[in-house]
Amino acid sequence: SLKEAWLRVLYQSEVPQFDRLSVFWLDHFSVGYDAYEHPHAFGRHLQFVRDWKDKSFPELLYASLSDPSTIVYLNNNISDRNTPNENLAREFFELFALGEGNYSENDIREFARLLTGRSFNLAGEKYQFMNERAIKSNAKIFGKRYNKAESLVRSLKDHPDYGHFIIQK
């Protein structure tokens, strides 16, 4: 099982503090395995949280937006240009990047528009960008215009609550 494999790696690790930090990232980028039936996607999620050693925090944040388990768990796979789903945008700001209340409802709506098209390929249980579902216009978030999620994530380092949130956690 995935749980047994994870625990085996933790117990047999030559550098256990790295694996303990992976558990921190597993909690930080949490998804509910039991909420859906996509074990391969969850296996990829475990690899994502274990693959932090050569990445910066902004790189991890951006990678979370392409993580198939995160996309399914937060319903971005049903988001499209006509009905952008706000779950991923809200949780990204609140739980992953900035902390509760450090964004506006409009920032969430606009970010949700930027995240349309980020979906899930059921056959391979992998991330898939669906161009036909994406909104192709600029989004105004935190008073600036963005046309890509990557640009927004890179600019978060300038947000006044960015560093405080992860340090407190």
Protein backbone atom coordinates (compact mmCIF):
# COMPACT_ATOMS: atom_id res chain seq x y z
CA SER A 1 0.00 0.00 0.00
CA LEU A 2 1.05 3.61 -0.40
CA LYS A 3 0.99 4.12 3.36
CA GLU A 4 3.26 1.13 3.98
CA ALA A 5 5.65 2.22 1.23
CA TRP A 6 5.85 5.73 2.69
CA LEU A 7 6.48 4.42 6.21
CA ARG A 8 9.13 1.99 4.96
CA VAL A 9 11.01 4.86 3.31
CA LEU A 10 10.75 6.90 6.51
CA TYR A 11 12.12 4.08 8.67
CA GLN A 12 14.95 3.15 6.31
CA SER A 13 16.06 6.65 5.36
CA GLU A 14 19.74 7.49 5.77
CA VAL A 15 18.77 11.14 6.32
CA PRO A 16 15.52 11.00 8.31
CA GLN A 17 15.22 14.77 8.75
CA PHE A 18 14.61 15.08 4.99
CA ASP A 19 11.76 12.62 5.22
CA ARG A 20 10.37 14.40 8.27
CA LEU A 21 10.31 17.59 6.21
CA SER A 22 8.50 15.66 3.48
CA VAL A 23 5.82 14.86 6.06
CA PHE A 24 5.59 18.62 6.74
CA TRP A 25 5.00 19.25 3.02
CA LEU A 26 2.47 16.39 2.92
CA ASP A 27 0.50 18.20 5.63
CA HIS A 28 0.99 21.60 3.98
CA PHE A 29 -0.17 20.48 0.52
CA SER A 30 -2.82 18.19 1.95
CA VAL A 31 -5.28 16.23 -0.10
CA GLY A 32 -7.71 13.58 1.10
CA TYR A 33 -6.79 10.24 -0.41
CA ASP A 34 -10.08 8.75 0.70
CA ALA A 35 -12.06 11.52 -1.02
CA TYR A 36 -11.64 9.99 -4.47
CA GLU A 37 -10.45 6.78 -6.10
CA HIS A 38 -7.28 7.72 -7.98
CA PRO A 39 -4.38 5.84 -6.31
CA HIS A 40 -1.84 6.60 -9.05
CA ALA A 41 -2.54 10.32 -8.75
CA PHE A 42 -2.06 10.08 -4.99
CA GLY A 43 1.20 8.21 -5.56
CA ARG A 44 2.32 11.14 -7.73
CA HIS A 45 1.25 13.49 -4.94
CA LEU A 46 3.50 11.62 -2.50
CA GLN A 47 6.36 11.97 -4.97
CA PHE A 48 5.59 15.69 -5.33
CA VAL A 49 5.88 16.30 -1.57
CA ARG A 50 9.05 14.20 -1.38
CA ASP A 51 10.62 16.12 -4.28
CA TRP A 52 11.15 19.39 -2.41
CA LYS A 53 14.92 19.20 -1.85
CA ASP A 54 15.98 20.97 -5.05
CA LYS A 55 13.05 23.41 -5.25
CA SER A 56 12.31 26.81 -3.77
CA PHE A 57 9.02 27.51 -2.03
CA PRO A 58 7.66 29.39 -5.10
CA GLU A 59 8.56 26.36 -7.26
CA LEU A 60 6.67 24.07 -4.87
CA LEU A 61 3.69 26.41 -4.89
CA TYR A 62 3.62 26.45 -8.67
CA ALA A 63 4.04 22.66 -8.85
CA SER A 64 1.04 22.25 -6.54
CA LEU A 65 -1.12 23.79 -9.29
CA SER A 66 -0.25 20.88 -11.60
CA ASP A 67 -0.48 18.14 -8.98
CA PRO A 68 -3.25 15.77 -10.12
CA SER A 69 -4.38 14.95 -6.57
CA THR A 70 -4.67 18.62 -5.66
CA ILE A 71 -6.61 19.32 -8.85
CA VAL A 72 -9.10 16.51 -8.19
CA TYR A 73 -9.38 17.09 -4.44
CA LEU A 74 -10.10 20.79 -4.94
CA ASN A 75 -12.40 20.24 -7.95
CA ASN A 76 -10.38 22.14 -10.52
CA ASN A 77 -11.00 19.27 -12.92
CA ILE A 78 -14.61 20.51 -13.23
CA SER A 79 -13.60 24.15 -13.65
CA ASP A 80 -14.11 25.67 -17.08
CA ARG A 81 -14.47 29.02 -18.80
CA ASN A 82 -18.23 29.17 -18.13
CA THR A 83 -18.06 28.15 -14.46
CA PRO A 84 -14.62 28.68 -12.93
CA ASN A 85 -14.37 26.67 -9.70
CA GLU A 86 -12.84 28.71 -6.86
CA ASN A 87 -11.75 25.89 -4.54
CA LEU A 88 -8.16 25.59 -5.79
CA ALA A 89 -7.66 29.37 -5.90
CA ARG A 90 -9.03 29.83 -2.37
CA GLU A 91 -7.06 26.98 -0.81
CA PHE A 92 -3.92 28.00 -2.67
CA PHE A 93 -4.02 31.48 -1.12
CA GLU A 94 -5.30 30.40 2.30
CA LEU A 95 -3.57 27.08 2.99
CA PHE A 96 -0.57 27.01 0.68
CA ALA A 97 0.76 30.55 0.18
CA LEU A 98 -0.57 33.45 2.27
CA GLY A 99 -2.77 32.36 5.15
CA GLU A 100 -6.37 33.13 5.95
CA GLY A 101 -7.72 36.56 5.08
CA ASN A 102 -4.69 37.86 3.18
CA TYR A 103 -6.54 38.10 -0.14
CA SER A 104 -9.89 39.39 -1.34
CA GLU A 105 -12.84 37.50 -2.78
CA ASN A 106 -12.12 39.23 -6.08
CA ASP A 107 -8.51 37.93 -5.99
CA ILE A 108 -9.95 34.41 -5.62
CA ARG A 109 -12.43 34.84 -8.48
CA GLU A 110 -9.73 36.21 -10.78
CA PHE A 111 -7.20 33.51 -9.84
CA ALA A 112 -9.87 30.85 -10.43
CA ARG A 113 -10.23 32.22 -13.96
CA LEU A 114 -6.45 31.88 -14.46
CA LEU A 115 -6.61 28.27 -13.26
CA THR A 116 -9.29 27.15 -15.73
CA GLY A 117 -7.91 24.52 -18.06
CA ARG A 118 -5.78 22.88 -15.35
CA SER A 119 -7.34 19.47 -15.19
CA PHE A 120 -6.92 15.75 -14.77
CA ASN A 121 -6.56 12.98 -17.34
CA LEU A 122 -8.62 10.15 -15.91
CA ALA A 123 -7.00 7.45 -18.08
CA GLY A 124 -3.45 8.20 -16.91
CA GLU A 125 -4.37 9.88 -13.61
CA LYS A 126 -2.04 12.73 -14.58
CA TYR A 127 -2.20 16.49 -14.89
CA GLN A 128 -3.56 17.70 -18.21
CA PHE A 129 -4.05 21.22 -19.49
CA MET A 130 -7.30 21.50 -21.44
CA ASN A 131 -6.96 24.52 -23.67
CA GLU A 132 -10.60 24.46 -24.72
CA ARG A 133 -11.69 24.93 -21.08
CA ALA A 134 -9.29 27.76 -20.28
CA ILE A 135 -10.09 31.46 -20.06
CA LYS A 136 -7.53 33.31 -22.15
CA SER A 137 -7.64 36.78 -20.65
CA ASN A 138 -5.71 38.69 -18.07
CA ALA A 139 -6.74 38.45 -14.44
CA LYS A 140 -6.40 41.34 -12.00
CA ILE A 141 -5.06 39.95 -8.72
CA PHE A 142 -3.62 42.04 -5.89
CA GLY A 143 -3.95 45.08 -8.14
CA LYS A 144 -1.78 43.70 -10.96
CA ARG A 145 -2.60 41.97 -14.25
CA TYR A 146 -1.52 38.37 -14.89
CA ASN A 147 -2.05 36.10 -17.86
CA LYS A 148 -0.38 33.02 -16.36
CA ALA A 149 -0.52 31.35 -12.94
CA GLU A 150 3.26 31.05 -12.97
CA SER A 151 3.66 34.84 -13.13
CA LEU A 152 1.35 35.29 -10.17
CA VAL A 153 3.17 32.67 -8.09
CA ARG A 154 6.54 34.30 -8.81
CA SER A 155 5.18 37.68 -7.76
CA LEU A 156 3.80 36.40 -4.43
CA LYS A 157 7.20 36.96 -2.84
CA ASP A 158 6.30 40.68 -2.89
CA HIS A 159 3.05 40.15 -0.95
CA PRO A 160 3.44 41.43 2.64
CA ASP A 161 2.10 38.19 4.18
CA TYR A 162 3.99 35.75 1.98
CA GLY A 163 6.99 34.92 4.16
CA HIS A 164 5.21 35.23 7.50
CA PHE A 165 2.69 32.53 6.72
CA ILE A 166 5.10 29.68 5.97
CA ILE A 167 7.46 30.65 8.80
CA GLN A 168 4.62 30.60 11.33
CA LYS A 169 3.48 27.24 10.08
